[in-house]
Structures are given as structure tokens and as C-alpha cells.
Amino acid sequence: MHVHRPHFAKPIYELLPWLYGLGGLVVLALSYFRLKGWLAGLLGLAGLVALVWGLAIGLRRRDFRAMRHEYGGDGLPPGNPPD
């Protein structure tokens, strides 16, 4: 039984690390300059997590592109045609 998983369009997929990072920076700035108390701490933590997540995804995408360029091909294992 084949399960169809939805995929993002390539331009959106390539923008995701930037969106996570920018969103994280905005939330960090908001928590630092505008809010006080426990909400500021909570939003600051969420902003930091989003920023680190964006960096991690961006670095993984960069490594994937480098590996694909080094070894050639589209990154699919042999015998698995694209959907």
C-alpha cells in the first residue's frame, strides 16, 4: 500500500530555513523590547528555538546539496522512482 505524503513546492521548501530564522529573530526582539515577565521569557525561548531550528535546517540543506553534487544524481536510492 502506497502512502502519498504531501510535499512543499521547491521555492517554499528553500525558503523555510529563512522563514524560521527570521520568525525567531522577530519573536526574540519582541520578547526583549516589548514584553516583561514570564511571557517575555517564554517567547524568548520560542524565538531561540525557531532561530536554531532554521539554522539547523539550512545547514542540513546545504550539506545535502553538497553531497548530491559530489555523488551526482537526484538523491533517491536506486529502484525508487519519484512520485
C-alpha atoms as a PDB file:
ATOM      1  CA  MET A   1       0.000   0.000   0.000  1.00  0.00           C
ATOM      2  CA  HIS A   2       1.479   3.321  -1.091  1.00  0.00           C
ATOM      3  CA  VAL A   3       1.083   6.299   1.227  1.00  0.00           C
ATOM      4  CA  HIS A   4       1.099   9.683  -0.503  1.00  0.00           C
ATOM      5  CA  ARG A   5       2.824  12.340   1.573  1.00  0.00           C
ATOM      6  CA  PRO A   6       2.304  15.966   0.668  1.00  0.00           C
ATOM      7  CA  HIS A   7       5.383  17.924  -0.377  1.00  0.00           C
ATOM      8  CA  PHE A   8       6.112  21.624  -0.439  1.00  0.00           C
ATOM      9  CA  ALA A   9       6.907  23.315  -3.731  1.00  0.00           C
ATOM     10  CA  LYS A  10      10.663  23.800  -4.124  1.00  0.00           C
ATOM     11  CA  PRO A  11      10.649  27.622  -3.719  1.00  0.00           C
ATOM     12  CA  ILE A  12       8.690  27.325  -0.464  1.00  0.00           C
ATOM     13  CA  TYR A  13      10.884  24.461   0.710  1.00  0.00           C
ATOM     14  CA  GLU A  14      14.021  26.515   0.068  1.00  0.00           C
ATOM     15  CA  LEU A  15      12.556  29.493   1.963  1.00  0.00           C
ATOM     16  CA  LEU A  16      11.668  27.545   5.121  1.00  0.00           C
ATOM     17  CA  PRO A  17      15.032  27.935   6.918  1.00  0.00           C
ATOM     18  CA  TRP A  18      14.959  31.687   6.252  1.00  0.00           C
ATOM     19  CA  LEU A  19      11.373  31.965   7.459  1.00  0.00           C
ATOM     20  CA  TYR A  20      12.113  30.044  10.667  1.00  0.00           C
ATOM     21  CA  GLY A  21      15.202  32.147  11.338  1.00  0.00           C
ATOM     22  CA  LEU A  22      13.508  35.463  10.601  1.00  0.00           C
ATOM     23  CA  GLY A  23      10.475  34.495  12.670  1.00  0.00           C
ATOM     24  CA  GLY A  24      12.752  33.504  15.530  1.00  0.00           C
ATOM     25  CA  LEU A  25      14.585  36.837  15.387  1.00  0.00           C
ATOM     26  CA  VAL A  26      11.309  38.768  15.345  1.00  0.00           C
ATOM     27  CA  VAL A  27       9.965  36.866  18.349  1.00  0.00           C
ATOM     28  CA  LEU A  28      13.268  37.297  20.210  1.00  0.00           C
ATOM     29  CA  ALA A  29      13.228  41.042  19.548  1.00  0.00           C
ATOM     30  CA  LEU A  30       9.581  41.278  20.591  1.00  0.00           C
ATOM     31  CA  SER A  31      10.270  39.451  23.840  1.00  0.00           C
ATOM     32  CA  TYR A  32      13.279  41.633  24.609  1.00  0.00           C
ATOM     33  CA  PHE A  33      11.939  45.087  23.727  1.00  0.00           C
ATOM     34  CA  ARG A  34       8.184  44.886  24.302  1.00  0.00           C
ATOM     35  CA  LEU A  35       7.282  42.321  26.934  1.00  0.00           C
ATOM     36  CA  LYS A  36       8.010  41.818  30.604  1.00  0.00           C
ATOM     37  CA  GLY A  37       7.686  38.877  32.960  1.00  0.00           C
ATOM     38  CA  TRP A  38       7.215  35.213  32.245  1.00  0.00           C
ATOM     39  CA  LEU A  39       5.672  35.812  28.801  1.00  0.00           C
ATOM     40  CA  ALA A  40       8.881  37.515  27.661  1.00  0.00           C
ATOM     41  CA  GLY A  41      10.892  34.503  28.789  1.00  0.00           C
ATOM     42  CA  LEU A  42       8.562  32.067  27.107  1.00  0.00           C
ATOM     43  CA  LEU A  43       8.558  33.987  23.829  1.00  0.00           C
ATOM     44  CA  GLY A  44      12.319  34.427  24.032  1.00  0.00           C
ATOM     45  CA  LEU A  45      12.752  30.683  24.366  1.00  0.00           C
ATOM     46  CA  ALA A  46      10.373  30.031  21.455  1.00  0.00           C
ATOM     47  CA  GLY A  47      12.258  32.575  19.334  1.00  0.00           C
ATOM     48  CA  LEU A  48      15.591  30.967  20.163  1.00  0.00           C
ATOM     49  CA  VAL A  49      14.244  27.513  19.287  1.00  0.00           C
ATOM     50  CA  ALA A  50      12.898  28.801  15.952  1.00  0.00           C
ATOM     51  CA  LEU A  51      16.214  30.513  15.163  1.00  0.00           C
ATOM     52  CA  VAL A  52      18.263  27.392  15.938  1.00  0.00           C
ATOM     53  CA  TRP A  53      15.772  25.234  14.004  1.00  0.00           C
ATOM     54  CA  GLY A  54      16.135  27.489  10.956  1.00  0.00           C
ATOM     55  CA  LEU A  55      19.931  27.297  11.181  1.00  0.00           C
ATOM     56  CA  ALA A  56      19.838  23.505  11.531  1.00  0.00           C
ATOM     57  CA  ILE A  57      17.544  23.066   8.532  1.00  0.00           C
ATOM     58  CA  GLY A  58      19.621  25.471   6.441  1.00  0.00           C
ATOM     59  CA  LEU A  59      22.842  23.635   7.256  1.00  0.00           C
ATOM     60  CA  ARG A  60      21.292  20.247   6.509  1.00  0.00           C
ATOM     61  CA  ARG A  61      20.020  21.515   3.146  1.00  0.00           C
ATOM     62  CA  ARG A  62      23.489  22.874   2.327  1.00  0.00           C
ATOM     63  CA  ASP A  63      25.106  19.527   3.224  1.00  0.00           C
ATOM     64  CA  PHE A  64      22.513  17.653   1.165  1.00  0.00           C
ATOM     65  CA  ARG A  65      23.215  19.838  -1.873  1.00  0.00           C
ATOM     66  CA  ALA A  66      26.971  19.359  -1.479  1.00  0.00           C
ATOM     67  CA  MET A  67      26.605  15.586  -1.140  1.00  0.00           C
ATOM     68  CA  ARG A  68      24.275  15.394  -4.131  1.00  0.00           C
ATOM     69  CA  HIS A  69      26.703  17.464  -6.199  1.00  0.00           C
ATOM     70  CA  GLU A  70      29.644  15.318  -5.107  1.00  0.00           C
ATOM     71  CA  TYR A  71      27.996  11.970  -5.831  1.00  0.00           C
ATOM     72  CA  GLY A  72      25.679  13.033  -8.648  1.00  0.00           C
ATOM     73  CA  GLY A  73      22.087  12.045  -9.133  1.00  0.00           C
ATOM     74  CA  ASP A  74      18.924  13.219  -7.507  1.00  0.00           C
ATOM     75  CA  GLY A  75      19.497  11.718  -4.064  1.00  0.00           C
ATOM     76  CA  LEU A  76      16.998   8.881  -4.479  1.00  0.00           C
ATOM     77  CA  PRO A  77      18.040   5.319  -3.728  1.00  0.00           C
ATOM     78  CA  PRO A  78      18.211   3.056  -6.792  1.00  0.00           C
ATOM     79  CA  GLY A  79      14.902   1.485  -7.759  1.00  0.00           C
ATOM     80  CA  ASN A  80      12.718   4.172  -6.187  1.00  0.00           C
ATOM     81  CA  PRO A  81      11.214   6.325  -8.935  1.00  0.00           C
ATOM     82  CA  PRO A  82       9.939   9.774  -7.934  1.00  0.00           C
ATOM     83  CA  ASP A  83       6.200  10.114  -7.371  1.00  0.00           C
END
